[in-house]
């Protein structure tokens, strides 16, 4: 039973590491682009303003835009 538990833990950890590698999570130095981004993500996301939208574009919070094809058409 102990070996099965250890095997299960190893499989879960390796699966999580593989998914993190595919998402390029490890290539970034931090999760948030700036302290403003951190503050907004923790406190201000529920009631964004036009100023928040401008700030996100100026500071590049959301990374590089990716065009997605609409499959419904």
N, C-alpha and C. Protein backbone atom coordinates (compact mmCIF):
# COMPACT_ATOMS: atom_id res chain seq x y z
N UNK A 1 0.82 -1.19 0.00
CA UNK A 1 0.00 0.00 0.00
C UNK A 1 0.87 1.26 0.00
N UNK A 2 1.97 1.18 0.75
CA UNK A 2 2.87 2.33 0.83
C UNK A 2 3.50 2.62 -0.53
N UNK A 3 3.87 1.56 -1.27
CA UNK A 3 4.47 1.74 -2.60
C UNK A 3 3.47 2.34 -3.57
N UNK A 4 2.21 1.94 -3.47
CA UNK A 4 1.17 2.48 -4.33
C UNK A 4 0.97 3.97 -4.08
N UNK A 5 0.99 4.35 -2.81
CA UNK A 5 0.85 5.77 -2.45
C UNK A 5 2.01 6.59 -3.00
N UNK A 6 3.22 6.09 -2.87
CA UNK A 6 4.41 6.80 -3.38
C UNK A 6 4.35 6.91 -4.90
N UNK A 7 3.94 5.83 -5.57
CA UNK A 7 3.79 5.86 -7.02
C UNK A 7 2.76 6.90 -7.45
N UNK A 8 1.66 6.97 -6.74
CA UNK A 8 0.61 7.94 -7.05
C UNK A 8 1.14 9.38 -6.90
N UNK A 9 1.87 9.63 -5.84
CA UNK A 9 2.45 10.97 -5.62
C UNK A 9 3.42 11.31 -6.74
N UNK A 10 4.28 10.37 -7.12
CA UNK A 10 5.25 10.60 -8.19
C UNK A 10 4.53 10.90 -9.50
N UNK A 11 3.49 10.18 -9.81
CA UNK A 11 2.73 10.42 -11.04
C UNK A 11 2.07 11.80 -11.04
N UNK A 12 1.50 12.18 -9.93
CA UNK A 12 0.85 13.50 -9.83
C UNK A 12 1.87 14.62 -10.01
N UNK A 13 2.99 14.53 -9.32
CA UNK A 13 4.03 15.58 -9.41
C UNK A 13 4.60 15.66 -10.82
N UNK A 14 4.87 14.51 -11.43
CA UNK A 14 5.43 14.53 -12.79
C UNK A 14 4.43 15.09 -13.79
N UNK A 15 3.15 14.79 -13.59
CA UNK A 15 2.11 15.35 -14.47
C UNK A 15 2.02 16.85 -14.34
N UNK A 16 2.08 17.36 -13.12
CA UNK A 16 2.02 18.81 -12.90
C UNK A 16 3.24 19.51 -13.51
N UNK A 17 4.41 18.90 -13.35
CA UNK A 17 5.63 19.48 -13.91
C UNK A 17 5.57 19.51 -15.44
N UNK A 18 5.04 18.46 -16.02
CA UNK A 18 4.92 18.42 -17.48
C UNK A 18 3.97 19.51 -17.98
N UNK A 19 2.84 19.70 -17.31
CA UNK A 19 1.90 20.74 -17.72
C UNK A 19 2.50 22.13 -17.55
N UNK A 20 3.24 22.35 -16.48
CA UNK A 20 3.90 23.64 -16.28
C UNK A 20 4.93 23.91 -17.36
N UNK A 21 5.62 22.87 -17.80
CA UNK A 21 6.61 23.02 -18.86
C UNK A 21 5.93 23.38 -20.19
N UNK A 22 4.82 22.74 -20.50
CA UNK A 22 4.10 23.01 -21.74
C UNK A 22 3.55 24.44 -21.76
N UNK A 23 3.14 24.95 -20.61
CA UNK A 23 2.56 26.29 -20.56
C UNK A 23 3.62 27.38 -20.52
N UNK A 24 4.88 27.00 -20.51
CA UNK A 24 6.02 27.93 -20.44
C UNK A 24 6.02 28.75 -19.15
N UNK A 25 5.44 28.21 -18.10
CA UNK A 25 5.39 28.87 -16.80
C UNK A 25 6.78 29.18 -16.27
N UNK A 26 7.72 28.27 -16.47
CA UNK A 26 9.06 28.43 -15.92
C UNK A 26 9.88 29.49 -16.65
N UNK A 27 9.45 29.93 -17.84
CA UNK A 27 10.21 30.93 -18.60
C UNK A 27 9.99 32.35 -18.10
N UNK A 28 9.02 32.55 -17.23
CA UNK A 28 8.70 33.89 -16.73
C UNK A 28 9.35 34.11 -15.36
N UNK A 29 9.82 35.33 -15.14
CA UNK A 29 10.48 35.61 -13.87
C UNK A 29 9.48 35.79 -12.73
N UNK A 30 8.23 36.12 -13.06
CA UNK A 30 7.20 36.26 -12.03
C UNK A 30 5.83 36.03 -12.65
N UNK A 31 4.84 35.89 -11.81
CA UNK A 31 3.48 35.67 -12.29
C UNK A 31 2.88 37.00 -12.78
N UNK A 32 3.18 38.09 -12.08
CA UNK A 32 2.61 39.39 -12.40
C UNK A 32 3.63 40.29 -13.09
N UNK A 33 3.15 41.15 -13.98
CA UNK A 33 4.03 42.03 -14.74
C UNK A 33 4.62 43.16 -13.89
N UNK A 34 3.88 43.61 -12.88
CA UNK A 34 4.34 44.72 -12.03
C UNK A 34 3.59 44.66 -10.70
N UNK A 35 3.96 45.56 -9.79
CA UNK A 35 3.23 45.63 -8.51
C UNK A 35 1.82 46.14 -8.73
N UNK A 36 1.62 47.02 -9.73
CA UNK A 36 0.27 47.48 -10.05
C UNK A 36 -0.60 46.30 -10.50
N UNK A 37 -0.02 45.43 -11.30
CA UNK A 37 -0.73 44.24 -11.78
C UNK A 37 -1.08 43.33 -10.59
N UNK A 38 -0.15 43.17 -9.67
CA UNK A 38 -0.39 42.35 -8.49
C UNK A 38 -1.54 42.91 -7.66
N UNK A 39 -1.49 44.21 -7.41
CA UNK A 39 -2.56 44.86 -6.64
C UNK A 39 -3.92 44.75 -7.30
N UNK A 40 -3.95 44.94 -8.61
CA UNK A 40 -5.21 44.82 -9.34
C UNK A 40 -5.74 43.39 -9.27
N UNK A 41 -4.86 42.42 -9.43
CA UNK A 41 -5.28 41.02 -9.42
C UNK A 41 -5.81 40.59 -8.06
N UNK A 42 -5.30 41.18 -7.01
CA UNK A 42 -5.73 40.80 -5.67
C UNK A 42 -6.95 41.61 -5.21
N UNK A 43 -6.96 42.92 -5.47
CA UNK A 43 -8.00 43.78 -4.90
C UNK A 43 -8.96 44.42 -5.91
N UNK A 44 -8.49 44.75 -7.13
CA UNK A 44 -9.29 45.60 -8.00
C UNK A 44 -10.01 44.92 -9.14
N UNK A 45 -9.88 43.62 -9.28
CA UNK A 45 -10.43 42.95 -10.45
C UNK A 45 -11.95 42.91 -10.47
N UNK A 46 -12.59 43.09 -9.32
CA UNK A 46 -14.04 42.99 -9.26
C UNK A 46 -14.75 44.22 -9.82
N UNK A 47 -14.07 45.35 -9.83
CA UNK A 47 -14.70 46.58 -10.28
C UNK A 47 -13.71 47.40 -11.12
N UNK A 48 -13.33 46.90 -12.32
CA UNK A 48 -12.33 47.62 -13.13
C UNK A 48 -12.87 48.92 -13.70
N UNK A 49 -11.97 49.88 -13.89
CA UNK A 49 -12.34 51.17 -14.47
C UNK A 49 -11.64 51.32 -15.82
N UNK A 50 -11.98 52.40 -16.52
CA UNK A 50 -11.33 52.70 -17.80
C UNK A 50 -9.84 52.95 -17.58
N UNK A 51 -9.49 53.56 -16.47
CA UNK A 51 -8.08 53.79 -16.13
C UNK A 51 -7.34 52.47 -15.97
N UNK A 52 -7.99 51.48 -15.39
CA UNK A 52 -7.37 50.16 -15.26
C UNK A 52 -7.08 49.54 -16.62
N UNK A 53 -7.99 49.69 -17.56
CA UNK A 53 -7.80 49.15 -18.91
C UNK A 53 -6.61 49.82 -19.59
N UNK A 54 -6.52 51.15 -19.47
CA UNK A 54 -5.39 51.88 -20.06
C UNK A 54 -4.07 51.43 -19.42
N UNK A 55 -4.08 51.24 -18.11
CA UNK A 55 -2.88 50.81 -17.40
C UNK A 55 -2.43 49.42 -17.86
N UNK A 56 -3.38 48.54 -18.08
CA UNK A 56 -3.03 47.18 -18.53
C UNK A 56 -2.34 47.22 -19.89
N UNK A 57 -2.82 48.07 -20.77
CA UNK A 57 -2.22 48.17 -22.10
C UNK A 57 -0.84 48.82 -22.05
N UNK A 58 -0.69 49.86 -21.23
CA UNK A 58 0.59 50.55 -21.12
C UNK A 58 1.68 49.66 -20.53
N UNK A 59 1.31 48.86 -19.54
CA UNK A 59 2.30 48.04 -18.84
C UNK A 59 2.43 46.63 -19.42
N UNK A 60 1.60 46.30 -20.39
CA UNK A 60 1.70 44.99 -21.03
C UNK A 60 1.40 43.82 -20.11
N UNK A 61 0.33 43.93 -19.33
CA UNK A 61 0.01 42.89 -18.35
C UNK A 61 -0.35 41.57 -18.99
N UNK A 62 -1.01 41.60 -20.13
CA UNK A 62 -1.60 40.38 -20.66
C UNK A 62 -0.77 39.74 -21.76
N UNK A 63 0.43 40.18 -21.96
CA UNK A 63 1.32 39.52 -22.91
C UNK A 63 0.99 39.83 -24.36
N UNK A 64 1.39 38.94 -25.24
CA UNK A 64 1.23 39.13 -26.68
C UNK A 64 -0.14 38.63 -27.11
N UNK A 65 -0.92 39.46 -27.79
CA UNK A 65 -2.24 39.02 -28.26
C UNK A 65 -2.10 37.89 -29.29
N UNK A 66 -2.99 36.92 -29.21
CA UNK A 66 -2.98 35.79 -30.13
C UNK A 66 -4.33 35.77 -30.85
N UNK A 67 -4.28 35.71 -32.18
CA UNK A 67 -5.52 35.67 -32.95
C UNK A 67 -6.07 34.24 -32.94
N UNK A 68 -7.36 34.12 -32.65
CA UNK A 68 -8.01 32.82 -32.59
C UNK A 68 -9.07 32.77 -33.66
N UNK A 69 -9.07 31.70 -34.46
CA UNK A 69 -10.06 31.55 -35.52
C UNK A 69 -11.38 31.07 -34.92
N UNK A 70 -12.47 31.66 -35.40
CA UNK A 70 -13.80 31.28 -34.92
C UNK A 70 -14.24 30.05 -35.71
N UNK A 71 -14.45 28.94 -35.02
CA UNK A 71 -14.81 27.68 -35.68
C UNK A 71 -16.31 27.61 -36.02
N UNK A 72 -17.09 28.56 -35.52
CA UNK A 72 -18.53 28.52 -35.75
C UNK A 72 -18.90 28.96 -37.17
N UNK A 73 -18.00 29.63 -37.85
CA UNK A 73 -18.34 30.15 -39.19
C UNK A 73 -17.99 29.17 -40.26
